[in-house]
Amino acid sequence: MYKTIGLAKENESPENPGALENRVALIPNDVKQLVDASCIVFVEQGAGEGVGFLDNEYVEAGATIQTNEELYQDKDLIIKFKGPAMESIPLMRPGCTLFCMAHFSSFPDRAKLLEDSKINVIAMEYV
């Protein structure tokens, strides 16, 4: 179902002021498993650095490194811990799926923008 997958870096967002959250939702071994399952995986440049994973480790696992702007475009699934920055939402194509800590009730403006943009959201906090 999800052929193209983007792994986003934890950048500044409403619930991540100053971009203090630096975890990454997938490690290189996870990416390798997805690639082995015929997924095309893109990783935002520097996504794993905050927890000790370098871009070349993701490349060795089969991923392609992209900029922040590239990462949000033309993906079936985007994965990250915290919700996206408001300016990232218009970059996503309608119908894509976002898997993150959505915090809908804490950030209603972002929830509304995601809904208006026709982005499907799987909220980690409800899984």
N, C-alpha and C. Protein backbone atom coordinates (compact mmCIF):
# COMPACT_ATOMS: atom_id res chain seq x y z
N MET A 1 0.82 -1.19 0.00
CA MET A 1 0.00 0.00 0.00
C MET A 1 0.87 1.27 0.00
N TYR A 2 1.93 1.27 0.77
CA TYR A 2 2.81 2.44 0.84
C TYR A 2 4.09 2.11 0.08
N LYS A 3 4.19 2.57 -1.14
CA LYS A 3 5.36 2.27 -1.98
C LYS A 3 6.50 3.25 -1.69
N THR A 4 6.18 4.54 -1.60
CA THR A 4 7.21 5.55 -1.33
C THR A 4 7.03 6.07 0.09
N ILE A 5 8.10 5.98 0.86
CA ILE A 5 8.06 6.34 2.28
C ILE A 5 9.13 7.39 2.56
N GLY A 6 8.75 8.43 3.26
CA GLY A 6 9.68 9.48 3.67
C GLY A 6 9.86 9.48 5.17
N LEU A 7 11.10 9.48 5.61
CA LEU A 7 11.43 9.58 7.04
C LEU A 7 11.91 11.00 7.30
N ALA A 8 11.11 11.75 8.04
CA ALA A 8 11.40 13.17 8.27
C ALA A 8 12.24 13.38 9.51
N LYS A 9 13.08 14.38 9.44
CA LYS A 9 13.89 14.83 10.58
C LYS A 9 12.98 15.60 11.53
N GLU A 10 13.29 15.54 12.79
CA GLU A 10 12.53 16.31 13.77
C GLU A 10 13.01 17.75 13.76
N ASN A 11 12.27 18.59 13.07
CA ASN A 11 12.57 20.02 12.96
C ASN A 11 11.66 20.78 13.90
N GLU A 12 11.86 22.07 13.95
CA GLU A 12 11.00 22.90 14.79
C GLU A 12 9.56 22.80 14.30
N SER A 13 8.66 22.63 15.26
CA SER A 13 7.23 22.53 14.98
C SER A 13 6.51 23.05 16.21
N PRO A 14 5.18 23.17 16.16
CA PRO A 14 4.48 23.70 17.33
C PRO A 14 4.81 23.00 18.64
N GLU A 15 4.95 21.66 18.63
CA GLU A 15 5.26 20.98 19.88
C GLU A 15 6.74 20.66 20.05
N ASN A 16 7.56 21.16 19.14
CA ASN A 16 9.00 20.95 19.22
C ASN A 16 9.74 22.28 19.05
N PRO A 17 9.43 23.24 19.95
CA PRO A 17 10.09 24.55 19.83
C PRO A 17 11.60 24.41 19.99
N GLY A 18 12.31 25.10 19.13
CA GLY A 18 13.76 25.04 19.17
C GLY A 18 14.32 23.74 18.63
N ALA A 19 13.45 22.88 18.11
CA ALA A 19 13.85 21.57 17.55
C ALA A 19 14.67 20.76 18.56
N LEU A 20 14.22 20.77 19.82
CA LEU A 20 14.95 20.04 20.86
C LEU A 20 14.77 18.53 20.76
N GLU A 21 13.64 18.08 20.19
CA GLU A 21 13.42 16.65 19.98
C GLU A 21 14.33 16.21 18.84
N ASN A 22 15.16 15.21 19.09
CA ASN A 22 16.09 14.79 18.04
C ASN A 22 16.06 13.29 17.77
N ARG A 23 15.04 12.60 18.31
CA ARG A 23 14.92 11.17 17.99
C ARG A 23 14.55 11.01 16.52
N VAL A 24 14.68 9.78 16.04
CA VAL A 24 14.30 9.48 14.67
C VAL A 24 13.36 8.28 14.72
N ALA A 25 12.34 8.29 13.88
CA ALA A 25 11.30 7.27 13.94
C ALA A 25 11.74 5.92 13.37
N LEU A 26 12.73 5.91 12.48
CA LEU A 26 13.23 4.66 11.91
C LEU A 26 14.76 4.67 11.95
N ILE A 27 15.35 3.55 12.32
CA ILE A 27 16.80 3.43 12.28
C ILE A 27 17.19 2.75 10.97
N PRO A 28 18.45 2.78 10.60
CA PRO A 28 18.84 2.18 9.31
C PRO A 28 18.37 0.74 9.12
N ASN A 29 18.38 -0.07 10.14
CA ASN A 29 17.91 -1.45 10.00
C ASN A 29 16.42 -1.50 9.63
N ASP A 30 15.62 -0.59 10.18
CA ASP A 30 14.20 -0.51 9.81
C ASP A 30 14.06 -0.15 8.34
N VAL A 31 14.88 0.79 7.89
CA VAL A 31 14.85 1.21 6.48
C VAL A 31 15.21 0.03 5.59
N LYS A 32 16.21 -0.73 5.96
CA LYS A 32 16.61 -1.90 5.17
C LYS A 32 15.46 -2.88 5.04
N GLN A 33 14.73 -3.11 6.12
CA GLN A 33 13.58 -4.02 6.07
C GLN A 33 12.51 -3.50 5.11
N LEU A 34 12.28 -2.22 5.12
CA LEU A 34 11.29 -1.64 4.19
C LEU A 34 11.77 -1.75 2.74
N VAL A 35 13.04 -1.48 2.51
CA VAL A 35 13.60 -1.60 1.16
C VAL A 35 13.53 -3.06 0.70
N ASP A 36 13.85 -3.98 1.60
CA ASP A 36 13.76 -5.41 1.27
C ASP A 36 12.33 -5.84 0.95
N ALA A 37 11.35 -5.08 1.46
CA ALA A 37 9.94 -5.36 1.19
C ALA A 37 9.44 -4.58 -0.04
N SER A 38 10.38 -4.08 -0.84
CA SER A 38 10.10 -3.38 -2.10
C SER A 38 9.57 -1.96 -1.94
N CYS A 39 9.79 -1.35 -0.78
CA CYS A 39 9.44 0.06 -0.61
C CYS A 39 10.61 0.92 -1.07
N ILE A 40 10.29 2.11 -1.52
CA ILE A 40 11.30 3.10 -1.87
C ILE A 40 11.33 4.09 -0.72
N VAL A 41 12.47 4.17 -0.02
CA VAL A 41 12.55 4.95 1.20
C VAL A 41 13.46 6.17 0.99
N PHE A 42 12.96 7.30 1.42
CA PHE A 42 13.70 8.56 1.38
C PHE A 42 13.88 9.03 2.81
N VAL A 43 15.06 9.52 3.13
CA VAL A 43 15.36 10.00 4.48
C VAL A 43 15.81 11.45 4.38
N GLU A 44 15.23 12.27 5.23
CA GLU A 44 15.63 13.67 5.25
C GLU A 44 17.07 13.79 5.73
N GLN A 45 17.82 14.62 5.07
CA GLN A 45 19.22 14.84 5.41
C GLN A 45 19.38 15.15 6.89
N GLY A 46 20.23 14.37 7.57
CA GLY A 46 20.50 14.58 8.98
C GLY A 46 19.46 14.02 9.93
N ALA A 47 18.50 13.26 9.44
CA ALA A 47 17.39 12.78 10.28
C ALA A 47 17.86 11.98 11.49
N GLY A 48 18.90 11.18 11.34
CA GLY A 48 19.33 10.32 12.44
C GLY A 48 20.50 10.84 13.25
N GLU A 49 21.05 11.97 12.87
CA GLU A 49 22.26 12.47 13.53
C GLU A 49 22.08 12.71 15.02
N GLY A 50 20.90 13.14 15.43
CA GLY A 50 20.68 13.44 16.84
C GLY A 50 20.78 12.23 17.74
N VAL A 51 20.67 11.04 17.17
CA VAL A 51 20.79 9.80 17.95
C VAL A 51 21.91 8.90 17.43
N GLY A 52 22.81 9.49 16.64
CA GLY A 52 24.01 8.78 16.26
C GLY A 52 23.98 8.01 14.95
N PHE A 53 22.96 8.21 14.10
CA PHE A 53 22.92 7.55 12.79
C PHE A 53 23.23 8.57 11.71
N LEU A 54 24.21 8.26 10.89
CA LEU A 54 24.64 9.15 9.83
C LEU A 54 23.89 8.87 8.54
N ASP A 55 23.84 9.86 7.68
CA ASP A 55 23.15 9.71 6.40
C ASP A 55 23.67 8.51 5.62
N ASN A 56 24.99 8.30 5.63
CA ASN A 56 25.55 7.18 4.85
C ASN A 56 25.05 5.83 5.35
N GLU A 57 24.68 5.73 6.62
CA GLU A 57 24.12 4.47 7.13
C GLU A 57 22.75 4.20 6.52
N TYR A 58 21.98 5.26 6.34
CA TYR A 58 20.67 5.12 5.69
C TYR A 58 20.84 4.79 4.20
N VAL A 59 21.83 5.40 3.57
CA VAL A 59 22.11 5.11 2.16
C VAL A 59 22.52 3.65 2.01
N GLU A 60 23.39 3.17 2.90
CA GLU A 60 23.81 1.76 2.86
C GLU A 60 22.63 0.82 3.07
N ALA A 61 21.61 1.28 3.79
CA ALA A 61 20.40 0.47 4.01
C ALA A 61 19.46 0.52 2.81
N GLY A 62 19.77 1.38 1.83
CA GLY A 62 18.96 1.44 0.62
C GLY A 62 18.14 2.70 0.43
N ALA A 63 18.28 3.67 1.34
CA ALA A 63 17.50 4.91 1.25
C ALA A 63 18.18 5.93 0.36
N THR A 64 17.39 6.90 -0.05
CA THR A 64 17.88 8.08 -0.76
C THR A 64 17.74 9.26 0.18
N ILE A 65 18.77 10.07 0.29
CA ILE A 65 18.74 11.24 1.17
C ILE A 65 18.13 12.41 0.40
N GLN A 66 17.24 13.16 1.08
CA GLN A 66 16.59 14.32 0.48
C GLN A 66 16.60 15.51 1.43
N THR A 67 16.38 16.69 0.86
CA THR A 67 16.23 17.89 1.67
C THR A 67 14.85 17.87 2.34
N ASN A 68 14.63 18.78 3.25
CA ASN A 68 13.34 18.89 3.93
C ASN A 68 12.22 19.10 2.93
N GLU A 69 12.40 20.02 2.01
CA GLU A 69 11.34 20.31 1.03
C GLU A 69 11.06 19.10 0.14
N GLU A 70 12.11 18.42 -0.32
CA GLU A 70 11.94 17.24 -1.18
C GLU A 70 11.23 16.11 -0.43
N LEU A 71 11.57 15.96 0.84
CA LEU A 71 11.07 14.83 1.63
C LEU A 71 9.55 14.81 1.71
N TYR A 72 8.94 15.96 1.81
CA TYR A 72 7.49 16.03 1.99
C TYR A 72 6.70 15.91 0.69
N GLN A 73 7.37 15.90 -0.44
CA GLN A 73 6.67 15.86 -1.72
C GLN A 73 6.57 14.45 -2.28
N ASP A 74 5.42 14.14 -2.84
CA ASP A 74 5.21 12.91 -3.62
C ASP A 74 5.51 11.62 -2.87
N LYS A 75 5.13 11.54 -1.62
CA LYS A 75 5.31 10.31 -0.85
C LYS A 75 3.94 9.72 -0.53
N ASP A 76 3.89 8.39 -0.44
CA ASP A 76 2.67 7.72 0.01
C ASP A 76 2.53 7.81 1.52
N LEU A 77 3.68 7.74 2.22
CA LEU A 77 3.70 7.72 3.68
C LEU A 77 4.87 8.57 4.16
N ILE A 78 4.60 9.44 5.14
CA ILE A 78 5.65 10.22 5.79
C ILE A 78 5.62 9.85 7.26
N ILE A 79 6.80 9.53 7.79
CA ILE A 79 6.93 9.09 9.17
C ILE A 79 7.81 10.06 9.94
N LYS A 80 7.37 10.43 11.13
CA LYS A 80 8.19 11.23 12.06
C LYS A 80 7.59 11.10 13.45
N PHE A 81 8.32 11.52 14.48
CA PHE A 81 7.79 11.45 15.84
C PHE A 81 6.77 12.55 16.07
N LYS A 82 7.23 13.76 16.11
CA LYS A 82 6.35 14.90 16.36
C LYS A 82 5.62 15.28 15.08
N GLY A 83 4.55 16.04 15.22
CA GLY A 83 3.82 16.49 14.04
C GLY A 83 4.67 17.42 13.19
N PRO A 84 4.26 17.63 11.95
CA PRO A 84 5.06 18.45 11.04
C PRO A 84 4.92 19.94 11.34
N ALA A 85 5.90 20.68 10.88
CA ALA A 85 5.81 22.14 10.91
C ALA A 85 4.68 22.56 9.97
N MET A 86 4.03 23.64 10.29
CA MET A 86 2.90 24.11 9.47
C MET A 86 3.31 24.31 8.01
N GLU A 87 4.51 24.81 7.78
CA GLU A 87 4.93 25.08 6.40
C GLU A 87 5.24 23.81 5.61
N SER A 88 5.36 22.67 6.29
CA SER A 88 5.60 21.40 5.59
C SER A 88 4.31 20.80 5.04
N ILE A 89 3.19 21.13 5.63
CA ILE A 89 1.92 20.51 5.24
C ILE A 89 1.54 20.80 3.79
N PRO A 90 1.65 22.04 3.31
CA PRO A 90 1.30 22.28 1.91
C PRO A 90 2.20 21.55 0.90
N LEU A 91 3.36 21.09 1.34
CA LEU A 91 4.25 20.34 0.46
C LEU A 91 3.77 18.91 0.22
N MET A 92 2.94 18.39 1.14
CA MET A 92 2.45 17.02 1.04
C MET A 92 1.34 16.94 -0.01
N ARG A 93 1.31 15.84 -0.74
CA ARG A 93 0.26 15.69 -1.74
C ARG A 93 -1.02 15.20 -1.07
N PRO A 94 -2.16 15.69 -1.52
CA PRO A 94 -3.43 15.19 -0.98
C PRO A 94 -3.50 13.67 -1.11
N GLY A 95 -3.97 13.03 -0.06
CA GLY A 95 -4.10 11.58 -0.06
C GLY A 95 -2.93 10.85 0.55
N CYS A 96 -1.82 11.54 0.80
CA CYS A 96 -0.71 10.84 1.45
C CYS A 96 -1.06 10.60 2.92
N THR A 97 -0.30 9.74 3.54
CA THR A 97 -0.53 9.41 4.95
C THR A 97 0.65 9.90 5.77
N LEU A 98 0.34 10.51 6.90
CA LEU A 98 1.33 10.99 7.85
C LEU A 98 1.20 10.16 9.11
N PHE A 99 2.29 9.55 9.57
CA PHE A 99 2.31 8.76 10.80
C PHE A 99 3.20 9.50 11.78
N CYS A 100 2.59 10.05 12.84
CA CYS A 100 3.32 10.87 13.81
C CYS A 100 2.50 11.01 15.09
N MET A 101 3.09 11.66 16.08
CA MET A 101 2.34 12.08 17.26
C MET A 101 1.57 13.33 16.83
N ALA A 102 0.31 13.19 16.54
CA ALA A 102 -0.45 14.27 15.92
C ALA A 102 -0.90 15.35 16.91
N HIS A 103 -1.20 14.98 18.15
CA HIS A 103 -1.64 15.95 19.16
C HIS A 103 -2.74 16.86 18.63
N PHE A 104 -3.79 16.24 18.07
CA PHE A 104 -4.87 17.00 17.46
C PHE A 104 -5.48 18.03 18.40
N SER A 105 -5.77 17.65 19.63
CA SER A 105 -6.44 18.58 20.54
C SER A 105 -5.52 19.71 21.01
N SER A 106 -4.23 19.46 21.06
CA SER A 106 -3.28 20.50 21.48
C SER A 106 -2.95 21.48 20.37
N PHE A 107 -3.08 21.03 19.13
CA PHE A 107 -2.72 21.86 17.98
C PHE A 107 -3.83 21.83 16.93
N PRO A 108 -4.98 22.41 17.28
CA PRO A 108 -6.14 22.34 16.37
C PRO A 108 -5.92 23.03 15.03
N ASP A 109 -5.10 24.08 14.98
CA ASP A 109 -4.85 24.74 13.70
C ASP A 109 -4.13 23.81 12.74
N ARG A 110 -3.19 23.04 13.26
CA ARG A 110 -2.48 22.09 12.41
C ARG A 110 -3.41 20.95 12.00
N ALA A 111 -4.22 20.48 12.93
CA ALA A 111 -5.19 19.42 12.61
C ALA A 111 -6.13 19.87 11.49
N LYS A 112 -6.58 21.11 11.56
CA LYS A 112 -7.48 21.64 10.53
C LYS A 112 -6.77 21.75 9.18
N LEU A 113 -5.52 22.22 9.19
CA LEU A 113 -4.76 22.33 7.95
C LEU A 113 -4.52 20.95 7.33
N LEU A 114 -4.21 19.95 8.15
CA LEU A 114 -4.04 18.59 7.64
C LEU A 114 -5.35 18.08 7.02
N GLU A 115 -6.45 18.33 7.71
CA GLU A 115 -7.75 17.91 7.19
C GLU A 115 -8.08 18.63 5.87
N ASP A 116 -7.90 19.95 5.86
CA ASP A 116 -8.18 20.73 4.65
C ASP A 116 -7.28 20.31 3.49
N SER A 117 -6.07 19.87 3.80
CA SER A 117 -5.11 19.45 2.77
C SER A 117 -5.32 18.00 2.35
N LYS A 118 -6.31 17.34 2.97
CA LYS A 118 -6.65 15.95 2.65
C LYS A 118 -5.48 14.99 2.91
N ILE A 119 -4.79 15.24 4.03
CA ILE A 119 -3.70 14.37 4.47
C ILE A 119 -4.28 13.37 5.46
N ASN A 120 -4.09 12.09 5.20
CA ASN A 120 -4.51 11.05 6.14
C ASN A 120 -3.50 11.00 7.27
N VAL A 121 -3.98 10.95 8.50
CA VAL A 121 -3.07 10.94 9.64
C VAL A 121 -3.32 9.71 10.49
N ILE A 122 -2.24 9.01 10.79
CA ILE A 122 -2.26 7.93 11.78
C ILE A 122 -1.54 8.50 12.98
N ALA A 123 -2.28 8.77 14.04
CA ALA A 123 -1.72 9.41 15.23
C ALA A 123 -1.12 8.34 16.16
N MET A 124 0.19 8.40 16.35
CA MET A 124 0.88 7.42 17.20
C MET A 124 0.25 7.30 18.58
N GLU A 125 -0.22 8.43 19.10
CA GLU A 125 -0.76 8.40 20.46
C GLU A 125 -2.04 7.60 20.58
N TYR A 126 -2.66 7.26 19.43
CA TYR A 126 -3.88 6.44 19.44
C TYR A 126 -3.65 5.01 19.01
N VAL A 127 -2.41 4.69 18.68
CA VAL A 127 -2.10 3.33 18.20
C VAL A 127 -1.73 2.46 19.39
